[in-house]
Amino acid sequence: MPPSLSQRRPQPRLLTSTVLLAQLVATSAAVAATRSRKAKVTHLAEALSQLNAAEAPIAVAYLAGELPQGRVGVGYRAVY
């Protein structure tokens, strides 16, 4: 007898915390808006403390201005 459909499909894993891209954007804007190094560190520390282990490398890359996947294939003309 073949296994049922629910037995064949992998079940999604639940994350204990999820940081939205909007939260990273808000953190980036807050860091850019202040000249104080202490305030920048505070904003970054608060954002990074909310990440789980799987999210940390991706979030750090975005906050550093890098895309983890490299090029996105969208040129200047397509954006503007």
N, C-alpha and C. Protein backbone atom coordinates (compact mmCIF):
# COMPACT_ATOMS: atom_id res chain seq x y z
N MET A 1 0.84 -1.18 0.00
CA MET A 1 0.00 0.00 0.00
C MET A 1 0.90 1.25 0.00
N PRO A 2 0.70 2.21 -0.94
CA PRO A 2 1.54 3.41 -0.99
C PRO A 2 1.29 4.33 0.20
N PRO A 3 2.31 5.08 0.60
CA PRO A 3 2.11 6.01 1.73
C PRO A 3 1.13 7.11 1.35
N SER A 4 0.43 7.60 2.33
CA SER A 4 -0.54 8.67 2.06
C SER A 4 0.19 9.95 1.67
N LEU A 5 -0.54 10.88 1.10
CA LEU A 5 0.04 12.14 0.64
C LEU A 5 0.70 12.92 1.77
N SER A 6 0.07 12.91 2.94
CA SER A 6 0.62 13.67 4.06
C SER A 6 1.93 13.06 4.56
N GLN A 7 2.13 11.78 4.35
CA GLN A 7 3.37 11.15 4.79
C GLN A 7 4.51 11.45 3.83
N ARG A 8 4.21 11.73 2.56
CA ARG A 8 5.25 11.99 1.57
C ARG A 8 5.71 13.43 1.56
N ARG A 9 4.86 14.36 1.91
CA ARG A 9 5.22 15.78 1.88
C ARG A 9 6.01 16.16 3.12
N PRO A 10 7.11 16.86 2.92
CA PRO A 10 7.85 17.34 4.11
C PRO A 10 7.04 18.43 4.80
N GLN A 11 7.04 18.39 6.10
CA GLN A 11 6.33 19.39 6.88
C GLN A 11 7.22 20.61 7.08
N PRO A 12 6.66 21.81 6.96
CA PRO A 12 7.48 23.02 7.16
C PRO A 12 7.94 23.11 8.61
N ARG A 13 9.18 23.59 8.78
CA ARG A 13 9.72 23.79 10.12
C ARG A 13 9.28 25.16 10.62
N LEU A 14 8.91 25.22 11.87
CA LEU A 14 8.52 26.48 12.47
C LEU A 14 9.75 27.15 13.07
N LEU A 15 9.90 28.42 12.78
CA LEU A 15 11.01 29.20 13.34
C LEU A 15 10.55 29.85 14.63
N THR A 16 11.46 29.95 15.56
CA THR A 16 11.10 30.57 16.84
C THR A 16 10.96 32.08 16.70
N SER A 17 11.69 32.68 15.76
CA SER A 17 11.53 34.10 15.52
C SER A 17 11.75 34.36 14.04
N THR A 18 11.08 35.33 13.53
CA THR A 18 11.24 35.69 12.13
C THR A 18 11.38 37.19 12.05
N VAL A 19 12.45 37.64 11.44
CA VAL A 19 12.68 39.06 11.25
C VAL A 19 12.26 39.40 9.83
N LEU A 20 11.41 40.38 9.70
CA LEU A 20 10.93 40.78 8.39
C LEU A 20 11.93 41.73 7.73
N LEU A 21 11.92 41.74 6.41
CA LEU A 21 12.78 42.64 5.67
C LEU A 21 12.50 44.09 6.06
N ALA A 22 11.25 44.40 6.35
CA ALA A 22 10.90 45.76 6.77
C ALA A 22 11.62 46.16 8.05
N GLN A 23 11.85 45.21 8.94
CA GLN A 23 12.59 45.50 10.17
C GLN A 23 14.05 45.82 9.86
N LEU A 24 14.62 45.10 8.90
CA LEU A 24 16.00 45.37 8.52
C LEU A 24 16.11 46.72 7.82
N VAL A 25 15.11 47.06 7.02
CA VAL A 25 15.09 48.36 6.34
C VAL A 25 14.98 49.48 7.38
N ALA A 26 14.13 49.29 8.38
CA ALA A 26 13.99 50.30 9.43
C ALA A 26 15.30 50.46 10.21
N THR A 27 15.97 49.36 10.48
CA THR A 27 17.26 49.42 11.17
C THR A 27 18.28 50.15 10.32
N SER A 28 18.33 49.84 9.05
CA SER A 28 19.27 50.49 8.14
C SER A 28 19.00 52.00 8.08
N ALA A 29 17.74 52.37 8.02
CA ALA A 29 17.38 53.79 7.98
C ALA A 29 17.76 54.49 9.28
N ALA A 30 17.55 53.82 10.40
CA ALA A 30 17.91 54.41 11.70
C ALA A 30 19.42 54.60 11.81
N VAL A 31 20.18 53.63 11.32
CA VAL A 31 21.65 53.74 11.34
C VAL A 31 22.11 54.89 10.44
N ALA A 32 21.49 55.00 9.28
CA ALA A 32 21.87 56.07 8.34
C ALA A 32 21.47 57.45 8.85
N ALA A 33 20.45 57.51 9.68
CA ALA A 33 19.92 58.80 10.13
C ALA A 33 20.72 59.42 11.28
N THR A 34 21.59 58.65 11.91
CA THR A 34 22.32 59.18 13.05
C THR A 34 23.82 59.25 12.75
N ARG A 35 24.47 60.21 13.36
CA ARG A 35 25.92 60.34 13.22
C ARG A 35 26.65 59.68 14.38
N SER A 36 25.90 59.38 15.44
CA SER A 36 26.49 58.82 16.65
C SER A 36 26.85 57.34 16.46
N ARG A 37 28.11 57.03 16.68
CA ARG A 37 28.55 55.64 16.56
C ARG A 37 27.85 54.77 17.60
N LYS A 38 27.68 55.30 18.81
CA LYS A 38 27.02 54.54 19.88
C LYS A 38 25.57 54.23 19.49
N ALA A 39 24.86 55.19 18.91
CA ALA A 39 23.48 54.96 18.48
C ALA A 39 23.43 53.93 17.35
N LYS A 40 24.38 53.98 16.43
CA LYS A 40 24.44 53.01 15.34
C LYS A 40 24.61 51.60 15.90
N VAL A 41 25.55 51.46 16.84
CA VAL A 41 25.80 50.15 17.46
C VAL A 41 24.55 49.67 18.19
N THR A 42 23.87 50.56 18.88
CA THR A 42 22.66 50.21 19.60
C THR A 42 21.58 49.70 18.65
N HIS A 43 21.36 50.40 17.55
CA HIS A 43 20.35 49.99 16.56
C HIS A 43 20.70 48.61 15.97
N LEU A 44 21.97 48.44 15.60
CA LEU A 44 22.38 47.17 15.01
C LEU A 44 22.30 46.03 16.02
N ALA A 45 22.73 46.27 17.24
CA ALA A 45 22.68 45.24 18.28
C ALA A 45 21.25 44.81 18.57
N GLU A 46 20.34 45.77 18.61
CA GLU A 46 18.93 45.45 18.85
C GLU A 46 18.37 44.58 17.73
N ALA A 47 18.68 44.94 16.49
CA ALA A 47 18.17 44.17 15.35
C ALA A 47 18.78 42.78 15.32
N LEU A 48 20.09 42.69 15.52
CA LEU A 48 20.77 41.40 15.43
C LEU A 48 20.39 40.47 16.58
N SER A 49 20.03 41.02 17.71
CA SER A 49 19.65 40.18 18.85
C SER A 49 18.31 39.47 18.63
N GLN A 50 17.51 39.96 17.69
CA GLN A 50 16.21 39.35 17.40
C GLN A 50 16.30 38.22 16.38
N LEU A 51 17.48 37.99 15.82
CA LEU A 51 17.63 36.99 14.77
C LEU A 51 17.87 35.60 15.34
N ASN A 52 17.40 34.60 14.61
CA ASN A 52 17.79 33.24 14.96
C ASN A 52 19.01 32.87 14.12
N ALA A 53 19.59 31.73 14.37
CA ALA A 53 20.85 31.35 13.72
C ALA A 53 20.75 31.28 12.20
N ALA A 54 19.61 30.89 11.67
CA ALA A 54 19.45 30.77 10.22
C ALA A 54 19.32 32.13 9.55
N GLU A 55 18.79 33.10 10.26
CA GLU A 55 18.57 34.42 9.68
C GLU A 55 19.80 35.33 9.74
N ALA A 56 20.68 35.09 10.69
CA ALA A 56 21.78 36.01 10.95
C ALA A 56 22.67 36.28 9.74
N PRO A 57 23.15 35.28 9.02
CA PRO A 57 24.04 35.58 7.88
C PRO A 57 23.34 36.40 6.79
N ILE A 58 22.09 36.13 6.56
CA ILE A 58 21.35 36.85 5.52
C ILE A 58 21.13 38.30 5.95
N ALA A 59 20.70 38.49 7.19
CA ALA A 59 20.44 39.84 7.68
C ALA A 59 21.72 40.68 7.72
N VAL A 60 22.82 40.09 8.14
CA VAL A 60 24.09 40.81 8.18
C VAL A 60 24.50 41.23 6.77
N ALA A 61 24.30 40.34 5.81
CA ALA A 61 24.64 40.67 4.42
C ALA A 61 23.79 41.85 3.93
N TYR A 62 22.50 41.83 4.19
CA TYR A 62 21.64 42.94 3.76
C TYR A 62 22.03 44.24 4.46
N LEU A 63 22.30 44.18 5.76
CA LEU A 63 22.68 45.39 6.49
C LEU A 63 24.03 45.93 6.02
N ALA A 64 24.88 45.05 5.50
CA ALA A 64 26.17 45.47 4.98
C ALA A 64 26.07 45.98 3.55
N GLY A 65 24.89 45.88 2.96
CA GLY A 65 24.69 46.38 1.60
C GLY A 65 25.03 45.36 0.53
N GLU A 66 25.09 44.10 0.88
CA GLU A 66 25.39 43.04 -0.08
C GLU A 66 24.18 42.14 -0.23
N LEU A 67 24.01 41.59 -1.42
CA LEU A 67 22.95 40.62 -1.65
C LEU A 67 23.54 39.22 -1.57
N PRO A 68 22.98 38.36 -0.72
CA PRO A 68 23.54 37.01 -0.57
C PRO A 68 23.56 36.22 -1.87
N GLN A 69 22.60 36.48 -2.75
CA GLN A 69 22.53 35.72 -3.99
C GLN A 69 23.36 36.34 -5.11
N GLY A 70 24.00 37.47 -4.85
CA GLY A 70 24.81 38.13 -5.88
C GLY A 70 23.96 39.06 -6.72
N ARG A 71 24.14 39.01 -8.02
CA ARG A 71 23.40 39.90 -8.92
C ARG A 71 21.93 39.51 -8.99
N VAL A 72 21.07 40.50 -9.14
CA VAL A 72 19.65 40.22 -9.25
C VAL A 72 19.16 40.24 -10.69
N GLY A 73 19.98 40.69 -11.62
CA GLY A 73 19.60 40.68 -13.02
C GLY A 73 18.70 41.82 -13.43
N VAL A 74 18.59 42.85 -12.60
CA VAL A 74 17.78 44.01 -12.92
C VAL A 74 18.74 45.18 -13.10
N GLY A 75 18.70 45.75 -14.28
CA GLY A 75 19.59 46.85 -14.57
C GLY A 75 19.00 48.21 -14.22
N TYR A 76 19.80 49.23 -14.38
CA TYR A 76 19.40 50.60 -14.07
C TYR A 76 18.16 51.00 -14.86
N ARG A 77 18.11 50.66 -16.11
CA ARG A 77 16.99 51.05 -16.97
C ARG A 77 15.67 50.44 -16.48
N ALA A 78 15.69 49.21 -15.99
CA ALA A 78 14.49 48.56 -15.50
C ALA A 78 13.99 49.17 -14.19
N VAL A 79 14.90 49.66 -13.39
CA VAL A 79 14.52 50.24 -12.10
C VAL A 79 13.98 51.65 -12.27
N TYR A 80 14.59 52.42 -13.15
CA TYR A 80 14.17 53.82 -13.33
C TYR A 80 13.50 53.98 -14.63
